[in-house]
C-alpha atoms as a PDB file:
ATOM      1  CA  MET A   1      -3.766  -8.217  24.610  1.00  0.00           C
ATOM      2  CA  LYS A   2      -3.293 -10.289  21.454  1.00  0.00           C
ATOM      3  CA  LEU A   3      -6.109 -10.518  18.902  1.00  0.00           C
ATOM      4  CA  ALA A   4      -6.473 -12.375  15.624  1.00  0.00           C
ATOM      5  CA  THR A   5      -8.919 -13.556  12.975  1.00  0.00           C
ATOM      6  CA  ILE A   6      -9.385 -17.301  12.450  1.00  0.00           C
ATOM      7  CA  ALA A   7     -11.224 -19.538  10.009  1.00  0.00           C
ATOM      8  CA  ALA A   8     -14.394 -20.687  11.756  1.00  0.00           C
ATOM      9  CA  GLY A   9     -15.669 -23.308   9.278  1.00  0.00           C
ATOM     10  CA  GLY A  10     -18.175 -23.162   6.469  1.00  0.00           C
ATOM     11  CA  GLY A  11     -16.377 -20.226   4.875  1.00  0.00           C
ATOM     12  CA  THR A  12     -16.885 -18.046   7.961  1.00  0.00           C
ATOM     13  CA  SER A  13     -14.358 -16.363  10.241  1.00  0.00           C
ATOM     14  CA  ALA A  14     -14.186 -15.057  13.785  1.00  0.00           C
ATOM     15  CA  ALA A  15     -12.259 -12.416  15.667  1.00  0.00           C
ATOM     16  CA  VAL A  16     -10.528 -13.967  18.646  1.00  0.00           C
ATOM     17  CA  VAL A  17      -8.562 -12.983  21.712  1.00  0.00           C
ATOM     18  CA  LEU A  18      -5.605 -15.177  22.620  1.00  0.00           C
ATOM     19  CA  PRO A  19      -5.602 -16.427  26.199  1.00  0.00           C
ATOM     20  CA  ASP A  20      -2.890 -18.966  26.950  1.00  0.00           C
ATOM     21  CA  GLY A  21      -3.003 -21.960  24.650  1.00  0.00           C
ATOM     22  CA  SER A  22      -6.287 -21.245  22.884  1.00  0.00           C
ATOM     23  CA  TYR A  23      -8.389 -18.833  20.835  1.00  0.00           C
ATOM     24  CA  LEU A  24     -11.487 -17.276  22.384  1.00  0.00           C
ATOM     25  CA  PRO A  25     -14.055 -16.203  19.746  1.00  0.00           C
ATOM     26  CA  LEU A  26     -15.465 -12.691  20.110  1.00  0.00           C
ATOM     27  CA  ASP A  27     -18.689 -11.181  18.812  1.00  0.00           C
ATOM     28  CA  ALA A  28     -17.236 -10.092  15.463  1.00  0.00           C
ATOM     29  CA  PRO A  29     -16.324 -11.918  12.233  1.00  0.00           C
ATOM     30  CA  ASN A  30     -12.835 -10.338  12.047  1.00  0.00           C
ATOM     31  CA  LEU A  31     -10.737  -7.585  13.590  1.00  0.00           C
ATOM     32  CA  SER A  32     -11.857  -5.064  10.960  1.00  0.00           C
ATOM     33  CA  ALA A  33     -15.395  -5.470  12.298  1.00  0.00           C
ATOM     34  CA  LEU A  34     -14.311  -5.623  15.944  1.00  0.00           C
ATOM     35  CA  LEU A  35     -12.535  -2.266  15.736  1.00  0.00           C
ATOM     36  CA  GLN A  36     -15.725  -0.647  14.452  1.00  0.00           C
ATOM     37  CA  GLN A  37     -17.409  -1.372  17.781  1.00  0.00           C
ATOM     38  CA  ASP A  38     -17.516   1.308  20.454  1.00  0.00           C
ATOM     39  CA  GLN A  39     -15.360   0.326  23.435  1.00  0.00           C
ATOM     40  CA  TRP A  40     -13.985  -2.661  21.505  1.00  0.00           C
ATOM     41  CA  ARG A  41     -11.062  -3.098  23.883  1.00  0.00           C
ATOM     42  CA  GLU A  42     -13.239  -3.180  26.989  1.00  0.00           C
ATOM     43  CA  GLU A  43     -15.685  -5.557  25.322  1.00  0.00           C
ATOM     44  CA  ALA A  44     -12.913  -7.964  24.303  1.00  0.00           C
ATOM     45  CA  THR A  45     -11.557  -7.871  27.849  1.00  0.00           C
ATOM     46  CA  ARG A  46     -15.036  -8.535  29.267  1.00  0.00           C
ATOM     47  CA  GLN A  47     -15.648 -11.489  26.984  1.00  0.00           C
ATOM     48  CA  ALA A  48     -12.215 -12.953  27.772  1.00  0.00           C
ATOM     49  CA  ALA A  49     -13.032 -12.814  31.492  1.00  0.00           C
ATOM     50  CA  ALA A  50     -16.567 -14.217  31.180  1.00  0.00           C
ATOM     51  CA  PRO A  51     -17.374 -17.390  33.196  1.00  0.00           C
ATOM     52  CA  ASP A  52     -17.954 -19.424  30.011  1.00  0.00           C
ATOM     53  CA  ALA A  53     -14.738 -18.262  28.300  1.00  0.00           C
ATOM     54  CA  VAL A  54     -12.894 -21.552  28.777  1.00  0.00           C
ATOM     55  CA  ALA A  55     -15.831 -23.558  27.434  1.00  0.00           C
ATOM     56  CA  ARG A  56     -16.038 -21.363  24.323  1.00  0.00           C
ATOM     57  CA  SER A  57     -12.294 -21.464  23.586  1.00  0.00           C
ATOM     58  CA  VAL A  58     -10.929 -23.094  20.426  1.00  0.00           C
ATOM     59  CA  PRO A  59      -7.638 -25.064  20.556  1.00  0.00           C
ATOM     60  CA  ARG A  60      -4.847 -23.433  18.569  1.00  0.00           C
ATOM     61  CA  GLU A  61      -3.759 -26.723  17.034  1.00  0.00           C
ATOM     62  CA  GLY A  62      -5.451 -27.197  13.678  1.00  0.00           C
ATOM     63  CA  THR A  63      -6.893 -23.667  13.594  1.00  0.00           C
ATOM     64  CA  THR A  64      -6.116 -21.480  10.576  1.00  0.00           C
ATOM     65  CA  LEU A  65      -5.052 -17.889  11.150  1.00  0.00           C
ATOM     66  CA  LEU A  66      -6.366 -15.460   8.533  1.00  0.00           C
ATOM     67  CA  ASN A  67      -5.511 -11.922   7.514  1.00  0.00           C
ATOM     68  CA  PRO A  68      -6.600 -10.218  10.751  1.00  0.00           C
ATOM     69  CA  LEU A  69      -7.880  -7.043   9.043  1.00  0.00           C
ATOM     70  CA  PRO A  70      -9.491  -8.026   5.718  1.00  0.00           C
ATOM     71  CA  VAL A  71     -11.462  -4.842   4.994  1.00  0.00           C
ATOM     72  CA  PRO A  72      -9.507  -1.701   5.917  1.00  0.00           C
ATOM     73  CA  ALA A  73     -10.744   1.483   4.280  1.00  0.00           C
ATOM     74  CA  LYS A  74      -7.145   2.639   3.826  1.00  0.00           C
ATOM     75  CA  VAL A  75      -3.771   0.898   3.596  1.00  0.00           C
ATOM     76  CA  ILE A  76      -0.995   3.492   3.532  1.00  0.00           C
ATOM     77  CA  CYS A  77       2.713   2.683   3.371  1.00  0.00           C
ATOM     78  CA  CYS A  78       5.858   4.615   4.209  1.00  0.00           C
ATOM     79  CA  GLY A  79       9.141   4.146   2.382  1.00  0.00           C
ATOM     80  CA  LEU A  80      12.678   5.166   3.409  1.00  0.00           C
ATOM     81  CA  ASN A  81      12.017   5.299   7.139  1.00  0.00           C
ATOM     82  CA  TYR A  82      14.910   3.484   8.891  1.00  0.00           C
ATOM     83  CA  SER A  83      17.567   6.108   9.634  1.00  0.00           C
ATOM     84  CA  GLU A  84      20.500   3.683   9.723  1.00  0.00           C
ATOM     85  CA  HIS A  85      19.580   2.281   6.321  1.00  0.00           C
ATOM     86  CA  ILE A  86      19.071   5.744   4.812  1.00  0.00           C
ATOM     87  CA  LEU A  87      22.431   6.997   6.088  1.00  0.00           C
ATOM     88  CA  GLU A  88      24.305   3.894   4.949  1.00  0.00           C
ATOM     89  CA  MET A  89      22.892   4.500   1.483  1.00  0.00           C
ATOM     90  CA  GLY A  90      24.480   7.961   1.535  1.00  0.00           C
ATOM     91  CA  ARG A  91      21.178   9.826   1.630  1.00  0.00           C
ATOM     92  CA  GLU A  92      20.008  12.593   3.897  1.00  0.00           C
ATOM     93  CA  LEU A  93      17.210  11.903   6.345  1.00  0.00           C
ATOM     94  CA  PRO A  94      13.886  12.938   4.780  1.00  0.00           C
ATOM     95  CA  ARG A  95      11.957  15.940   6.017  1.00  0.00           C
ATOM     96  CA  PHE A  96       8.609  14.372   5.097  1.00  0.00           C
ATOM     97  CA  PRO A  97       7.572  10.715   4.806  1.00  0.00           C
ATOM     98  CA  THR A  98       7.429   9.084   1.385  1.00  0.00           C
ATOM     99  CA  LEU A  99       3.937   7.604   1.163  1.00  0.00           C
ATOM    100  CA  PHE A 100       2.027   5.352  -1.197  1.00  0.00           C
ATOM    101  CA  ALA A 101      -1.200   3.379  -0.943  1.00  0.00           C
ATOM    102  CA  LYS A 102      -2.353  -0.194  -1.374  1.00  0.00           C
ATOM    103  CA  PHE A 103      -5.809  -1.692  -1.822  1.00  0.00           C
ATOM    104  CA  ALA A 104      -7.400  -4.009   0.724  1.00  0.00           C
ATOM    105  CA  ASP A 105      -7.213  -6.886  -1.761  1.00  0.00           C
ATOM    106  CA  THR A 106      -3.432  -6.534  -1.818  1.00  0.00           C
ATOM    107  CA  LEU A 107      -3.468  -8.094   1.667  1.00  0.00           C
ATOM    108  CA  THR A 108      -3.425 -11.827   2.325  1.00  0.00           C
ATOM    109  CA  ASP A 109      -3.156 -14.358   5.147  1.00  0.00           C
ATOM    110  CA  PRO A 110      -0.051 -14.684   7.343  1.00  0.00           C
ATOM    111  CA  PHE A 111       0.786 -18.185   6.093  1.00  0.00           C
ATOM    112  CA  ALA A 112      -0.601 -17.927   2.567  1.00  0.00           C
ATOM    113  CA  ASP A 113       1.203 -19.167  -0.516  1.00  0.00           C
ATOM    114  CA  LEU A 114       2.050 -16.082  -2.561  1.00  0.00           C
ATOM    115  CA  ASP A 115       1.285 -16.634  -6.237  1.00  0.00           C
ATOM    116  CA  ILE A 116       2.957 -13.851  -8.235  1.00  0.00           C
ATOM    117  CA  SER A 117       2.673 -13.772 -12.019  1.00  0.00           C
ATOM    118  CA  GLY A 118       3.903 -11.149 -14.456  1.00  0.00           C
ATOM    119  CA  SER A 119       7.072 -10.082 -12.632  1.00  0.00           C
ATOM    120  CA  GLU A 120      10.669 -11.252 -12.806  1.00  0.00           C
ATOM    121  CA  SER A 121      11.909  -9.059  -9.931  1.00  0.00           C
ATOM    122  CA  VAL A 122       9.885 -10.009  -6.842  1.00  0.00           C
ATOM    123  CA  ASP A 123      11.431  -8.530  -3.693  1.00  0.00           C
ATOM    124  CA  TRP A 124      10.816  -8.672   0.063  1.00  0.00           C
ATOM    125  CA  GLU A 125      10.248  -5.855   2.589  1.00  0.00           C
ATOM    126  CA  GLY A 126       9.558  -6.973   6.156  1.00  0.00           C
ATOM    127  CA  GLU A 127       7.720  -4.291   8.139  1.00  0.00           C
ATOM    128  CA  LEU A 128       5.932  -3.314  11.315  1.00  0.00           C
ATOM    129  CA  ALA A 129       2.341  -2.242  10.604  1.00  0.00           C
ATOM    130  CA  VAL A 130       0.343   0.081  12.855  1.00  0.00           C
ATOM    131  CA  VAL A 131      -3.441  -0.361  13.114  1.00  0.00           C
ATOM    132  CA  VAL A 132      -5.735   2.584  13.772  1.00  0.00           C
ATOM    133  CA  GLY A 133      -8.197   2.192  16.648  1.00  0.00           C
ATOM    134  CA  THR A 134     -10.135   5.460  16.593  1.00  0.00           C
ATOM    135  CA  ALA A 135     -10.964   8.147  14.041  1.00  0.00           C
ATOM    136  CA  LEU A 136      -8.104  10.614  13.534  1.00  0.00           C
ATOM    137  CA  ARG A 137      -8.320  13.923  11.673  1.00  0.00           C
ATOM    138  CA  HIS A 138      -5.782  16.734  12.127  1.00  0.00           C
ATOM    139  CA  ALA A 139      -4.416  14.785  15.098  1.00  0.00           C
ATOM    140  CA  ASP A 140      -1.285  15.879  16.918  1.00  0.00           C
ATOM    141  CA  GLU A 141       1.223  13.174  17.872  1.00  0.00           C
ATOM    142  CA  ALA A 142      -0.244  12.637  21.330  1.00  0.00           C
ATOM    143  CA  GLU A 143      -3.735  12.205  19.894  1.00  0.00           C
ATOM    144  CA  ALA A 144      -2.382   9.896  17.197  1.00  0.00           C
ATOM    145  CA  ALA A 145      -0.567   7.764  19.772  1.00  0.00           C
ATOM    146  CA  ALA A 146      -3.756   7.476  21.821  1.00  0.00           C
ATOM    147  CA  GLY A 147      -5.619   6.420  18.672  1.00  0.00           C
ATOM    148  CA  ILE A 148      -3.424   3.394  17.906  1.00  0.00           C
ATOM    149  CA  ALA A 149      -5.223   0.063  18.347  1.00  0.00           C
ATOM    150  CA  GLY A 150      -2.054  -1.956  18.062  1.00  0.00           C
ATOM    151  CA  TYR A 151       0.585  -3.421  15.798  1.00  0.00           C
ATOM    152  CA  THR A 152       1.043  -6.363  13.478  1.00  0.00           C
ATOM    153  CA  ALA A 153       3.589  -7.687  10.981  1.00  0.00           C
ATOM    154  CA  ALA A 154       3.556  -7.274   7.207  1.00  0.00           C
ATOM    155  CA  ASN A 155       5.721  -7.910   4.178  1.00  0.00           C
ATOM    156  CA  ASP A 156       5.412  -5.346   1.408  1.00  0.00           C
ATOM    157  CA  ILE A 157       6.238  -7.736  -1.424  1.00  0.00           C
ATOM    158  CA  SER A 158       7.389  -5.506  -4.289  1.00  0.00           C
ATOM    159  CA  MET A 159       7.535  -6.191  -7.996  1.00  0.00           C
ATOM    160  CA  ARG A 160      10.606  -4.073  -8.774  1.00  0.00           C
ATOM    161  CA  ASP A 161      10.368  -4.316 -12.572  1.00  0.00           C
ATOM    162  CA  TRP A 162       6.851  -2.870 -12.373  1.00  0.00           C
ATOM    163  CA  GLN A 163       7.796  -0.383  -9.664  1.00  0.00           C
ATOM    164  CA  ASN A 164      10.631   1.025 -11.786  1.00  0.00           C
ATOM    165  CA  ARG A 165       8.609   1.438 -14.968  1.00  0.00           C
ATOM    166  CA  THR A 166       7.680   4.960 -13.861  1.00  0.00           C
ATOM    167  CA  LEU A 167       8.488   7.394 -11.054  1.00  0.00           C
ATOM    168  CA  GLN A 168       5.298   6.271  -9.276  1.00  0.00           C
ATOM    169  CA  TRP A 169       5.731   3.137  -7.139  1.00  0.00           C
ATOM    170  CA  PHE A 170       2.074   2.121  -7.014  1.00  0.00           C
ATOM    171  CA  GLN A 171       1.959  -0.473  -9.800  1.00  0.00           C
ATOM    172  CA  GLY A 172       4.812  -2.458  -8.280  1.00  0.00           C
ATOM    173  CA  LYS A 173       3.212  -2.473  -4.837  1.00  0.00           C
ATOM    174  CA  ALA A 174      -0.416  -3.346  -5.468  1.00  0.00           C
ATOM    175  CA  PHE A 175      -0.518  -6.858  -6.924  1.00  0.00           C
ATOM    176  CA  ASP A 176      -3.509  -8.772  -5.563  1.00  0.00           C
ATOM    177  CA  ARG A 177      -2.884 -11.003  -2.529  1.00  0.00           C
ATOM    178  CA  SER A 178       0.802 -10.094  -2.361  1.00  0.00           C
ATOM    179  CA  THR A 179       1.091  -8.543   1.125  1.00  0.00           C
ATOM    180  CA  PRO A 180       0.850 -11.042   4.010  1.00  0.00           C
ATOM    181  CA  LEU A 181      -0.376  -9.537   7.273  1.00  0.00           C
ATOM    182  CA  GLY A 182      -0.582 -10.868  10.830  1.00  0.00           C
ATOM    183  CA  PRO A 183      -0.426 -13.297  12.478  1.00  0.00           C
ATOM    184  CA  VAL A 184      -1.856 -11.330  15.400  1.00  0.00           C
ATOM    185  CA  LEU A 185      -2.549  -7.767  16.467  1.00  0.00           C
ATOM    186  CA  VAL A 186      -0.809  -6.783  19.692  1.00  0.00           C
ATOM    187  CA  THR A 187      -2.533  -3.890  21.426  1.00  0.00           C
ATOM    188  CA  ALA A 188      -0.600  -0.672  21.896  1.00  0.00           C
ATOM    189  CA  ASP A 189      -0.408  -1.034  25.681  1.00  0.00           C
ATOM    190  CA  GLU A 190       1.753  -4.156  25.235  1.00  0.00           C
ATOM    191  CA  LEU A 191       4.182  -3.013  22.517  1.00  0.00           C
ATOM    192  CA  ASP A 192       6.229   0.180  22.191  1.00  0.00           C
ATOM    193  CA  PRO A 193       8.009   0.572  18.819  1.00  0.00           C
ATOM    194  CA  GLU A 194       9.721   3.769  19.955  1.00  0.00           C
ATOM    195  CA  ALA A 195      11.470   1.788  22.686  1.00  0.00           C
ATOM    196  CA  GLY A 196      12.623  -0.638  20.003  1.00  0.00           C
ATOM    197  CA  VAL A 197      11.078  -3.639  18.248  1.00  0.00           C
ATOM    198  CA  GLU A 198      13.203  -5.908  16.056  1.00  0.00           C
ATOM    199  CA  VAL A 199      12.092  -6.526  12.466  1.00  0.00           C
ATOM    200  CA  SER A 200      13.718  -9.381  10.524  1.00  0.00           C
ATOM    201  CA  CYS A 201      13.162 -11.136   7.220  1.00  0.00           C
ATOM    202  CA  TYR A 202      14.547 -14.542   6.236  1.00  0.00           C
ATOM    203  CA  LEU A 203      14.825 -16.164   2.807  1.00  0.00           C
ATOM    204  CA  ASN A 204      14.998 -19.960   3.020  1.00  0.00           C
ATOM    205  CA  GLY A 205      16.307 -19.579   6.582  1.00  0.00           C
ATOM    206  CA  GLU A 206      18.997 -16.997   5.730  1.00  0.00           C
ATOM    207  CA  ARG A 207      18.496 -13.656   7.417  1.00  0.00           C
ATOM    208  CA  MET A 208      18.304 -10.935   4.796  1.00  0.00           C
ATOM    209  CA  GLN A 209      16.965  -8.028   6.846  1.00  0.00           C
ATOM    210  CA  HIS A 210      17.332  -6.905  10.431  1.00  0.00           C
ATOM    211  CA  GLY A 211      16.361  -3.551  11.890  1.00  0.00           C
ATOM    212  CA  ASN A 212      14.987  -1.950  15.012  1.00  0.00           C
ATOM    213  CA  THR A 213      12.020   0.408  15.069  1.00  0.00           C
ATOM    214  CA  ALA A 214      13.854   2.688  17.500  1.00  0.00           C
ATOM    215  CA  SER A 215      15.677   4.000  14.418  1.00  0.00           C
ATOM    216  CA  LEU A 216      12.519   4.983  12.523  1.00  0.00           C
ATOM    217  CA  VAL A 217      12.689   8.569  11.255  1.00  0.00           C
ATOM    218  CA  PHE A 218       8.901   8.843  11.469  1.00  0.00           C
ATOM    219  CA  SER A 219       7.392   7.001  14.430  1.00  0.00           C
ATOM    220  CA  ALA A 220       3.996   5.327  14.244  1.00  0.00           C
ATOM    221  CA  ALA A 221       2.360   8.262  16.023  1.00  0.00           C
ATOM    222  CA  ARG A 222       4.128  10.792  13.820  1.00  0.00           C
ATOM    223  CA  LEU A 223       3.052   8.959  10.671  1.00  0.00           C
ATOM    224  CA  LEU A 224      -0.577   8.809  11.781  1.00  0.00           C
ATOM    225  CA  SER A 225      -0.524  12.483  12.759  1.00  0.00           C
ATOM    226  CA  TYR A 226       0.970  13.485   9.404  1.00  0.00           C
ATOM    227  CA  ILE A 227      -1.418  11.357   7.349  1.00  0.00           C
ATOM    228  CA  SER A 228      -4.429  12.601   9.317  1.00  0.00           C
ATOM    229  CA  THR A 229      -3.736  16.150   8.146  1.00  0.00           C
ATOM    230  CA  PHE A 230      -4.823  15.262   4.590  1.00  0.00           C
ATOM    231  CA  THR A 231      -7.148  12.265   5.037  1.00  0.00           C
ATOM    232  CA  GLU A 232      -9.197  10.936   7.920  1.00  0.00           C
ATOM    233  CA  LEU A 233      -7.975   7.684   9.398  1.00  0.00           C
ATOM    234  CA  ARG A 234     -10.638   5.355  10.756  1.00  0.00           C
ATOM    235  CA  PRO A 235     -10.670   2.276  12.984  1.00  0.00           C
ATOM    236  CA  GLY A 236      -9.135  -0.679  11.169  1.00  0.00           C
ATOM    237  CA  ASP A 237      -7.012   1.369   8.769  1.00  0.00           C
ATOM    238  CA  ILE A 238      -3.431   0.147   8.406  1.00  0.00           C
ATOM    239  CA  VAL A 239      -0.154   2.036   8.024  1.00  0.00           C
ATOM    240  CA  LEU A 240       3.038   0.145   7.106  1.00  0.00           C
ATOM    241  CA  THR A 241       6.001   1.894   8.691  1.00  0.00           C
ATOM    242  CA  GLY A 242       8.806   1.038   6.252  1.00  0.00           C
ATOM    243  CA  THR A 243      11.474  -1.625   5.889  1.00  0.00           C
ATOM    244  CA  PRO A 244      15.081  -1.896   7.106  1.00  0.00           C
ATOM    245  CA  GLY A 245      18.068  -2.509   4.851  1.00  0.00           C
ATOM    246  CA  GLY A 246      18.711  -5.840   3.168  1.00  0.00           C
ATOM    247  CA  VAL A 247      16.170  -5.887   0.340  1.00  0.00           C
ATOM    248  CA  GLY A 248      17.083  -7.858  -2.761  1.00  0.00           C
ATOM    249  CA  MET A 249      17.148  -4.832  -5.058  1.00  0.00           C
ATOM    250  CA  GLY A 250      19.987  -3.319  -3.025  1.00  0.00           C
ATOM    251  CA  MET A 251      22.314  -6.302  -3.397  1.00  0.00           C
ATOM    252  CA  ASN A 252      25.126  -6.547  -5.933  1.00  0.00           C
ATOM    253  CA  PRO A 253      24.007  -8.286  -8.020  1.00  0.00           C
ATOM    254  CA  PRO A 254      20.317  -7.901  -7.132  1.00  0.00           C
ATOM    255  CA  ARG A 255      18.637 -10.987  -5.676  1.00  0.00           C
ATOM    256  CA  TYR A 256      14.957 -11.704  -6.088  1.00  0.00           C
ATOM    257  CA  LEU A 257      12.449 -14.329  -5.005  1.00  0.00           C
ATOM    258  CA  SER A 258      12.213 -17.542  -6.997  1.00  0.00           C
ATOM    259  CA  ASP A 259       9.554 -20.187  -7.328  1.00  0.00           C
ATOM    260  CA  GLY A 260       9.675 -22.476  -4.275  1.00  0.00           C
ATOM    261  CA  ASP A 261      11.342 -19.996  -1.904  1.00  0.00           C
ATOM    262  CA  VAL A 262      10.141 -19.677   1.691  1.00  0.00           C
ATOM    263  CA  LEU A 263       9.948 -16.146   3.076  1.00  0.00           C
ATOM    264  CA  THR A 264       9.719 -15.629   6.840  1.00  0.00           C
ATOM    265  CA  THR A 265       9.032 -12.248   8.453  1.00  0.00           C
ATOM    266  CA  GLU A 266       9.485 -11.812  12.204  1.00  0.00           C
ATOM    267  CA  VAL A 267       8.535  -8.827  14.363  1.00  0.00           C
ATOM    268  CA  GLY A 268       9.448  -8.927  18.037  1.00  0.00           C
ATOM    269  CA  GLY A 269       6.490  -9.311  20.376  1.00  0.00           C
ATOM    270  CA  ILE A 270       4.125 -10.079  17.479  1.00  0.00           C
ATOM    271  CA  GLY A 271       5.264 -13.252  15.764  1.00  0.00           C
ATOM    272  CA  ARG A 272       6.074 -14.413  12.272  1.00  0.00           C
ATOM    273  CA  LEU A 273       4.684 -14.665   8.799  1.00  0.00           C
ATOM    274  CA  GLU A 274       5.749 -17.652   6.699  1.00  0.00           C
ATOM    275  CA  ASN A 275       4.970 -17.653   2.993  1.00  0.00           C
ATOM    276  CA  HIS A 276       5.822 -20.095   0.243  1.00  0.00           C
ATOM    277  CA  ILE A 277       6.521 -18.288  -3.013  1.00  0.00           C
ATOM    278  CA  ARG A 278       5.065 -19.235  -6.385  1.00  0.00           C
ATOM    279  CA  VAL A 279       6.547 -17.024  -9.117  1.00  0.00           C
ATOM    280  CA  SER A 280       5.657 -17.067 -12.800  1.00  0.00           C
ATOM    281  CA  SER A 281       6.830 -14.432 -15.288  1.00  0.00           C
ATOM    282  CA  ARG A 282       3.902 -14.981 -17.647  1.00  0.00           C
ATOM    283  CA  VAL A 283       1.423 -12.243 -18.611  1.00  0.00           C
ATOM    284  CA  THR A 284       3.820  -9.304 -18.631  1.00  0.00           C
ATOM    285  CA  ALA A 285       2.001  -6.250 -20.000  1.00  0.00           C
END
């Protein structure tokens, strides 16, 4: 099942399920709210099969897709997670995941213009994101896997000059409206990252990153299990699983985003994000 959040007019939004060729509004303003409902999957399936479903459907043409999960309680990210990239960098595979957090207002729409000010080293990091579907606390991997609602695409846009000011990455990762998410959530029964899902990122049509989630050191279930040992994960929380090689910081010389660039992130089975970049170096603290 594919789900999304769309603009519904008058400043409102709606969670939708995606039957062929259209969007079917559900009884929730967005996927964050939908996932709070008991038996959300069964209810979405019921509404999609209702006799009036076709009549209530909205054509995809002209409809705006929004950030599908606008109000997660937690957004947690993993770095250094693609084994091939780690080994090619001459590093040993990590024993524990490297984690950092974002705020909900770091997220933005899948096709939003990204307006970044105050950084001269804006980098890309295409990623698979896992979405929590049930409360998890001290979960083993099997419980964590069963608690996954689904997957979506993200780009952890990183301000490297801010990130490298200190040993803590947070300040370079948490600029407002800098992390596009979407365009849809694909439920866990329809996508298996451990079997392999391709993650790619393109800059002005040139492929910069390409990886496969089969090479993740820490799988989605393992990440959720690990995180749940120190903090409870709740429905609608988001975990970014890391990025493959090919980021701008790793190039010689480094290459960063410029004003007017177009950044495209593609995740197999999910879709693409496309973001026009607006970069200004003003207001550097």
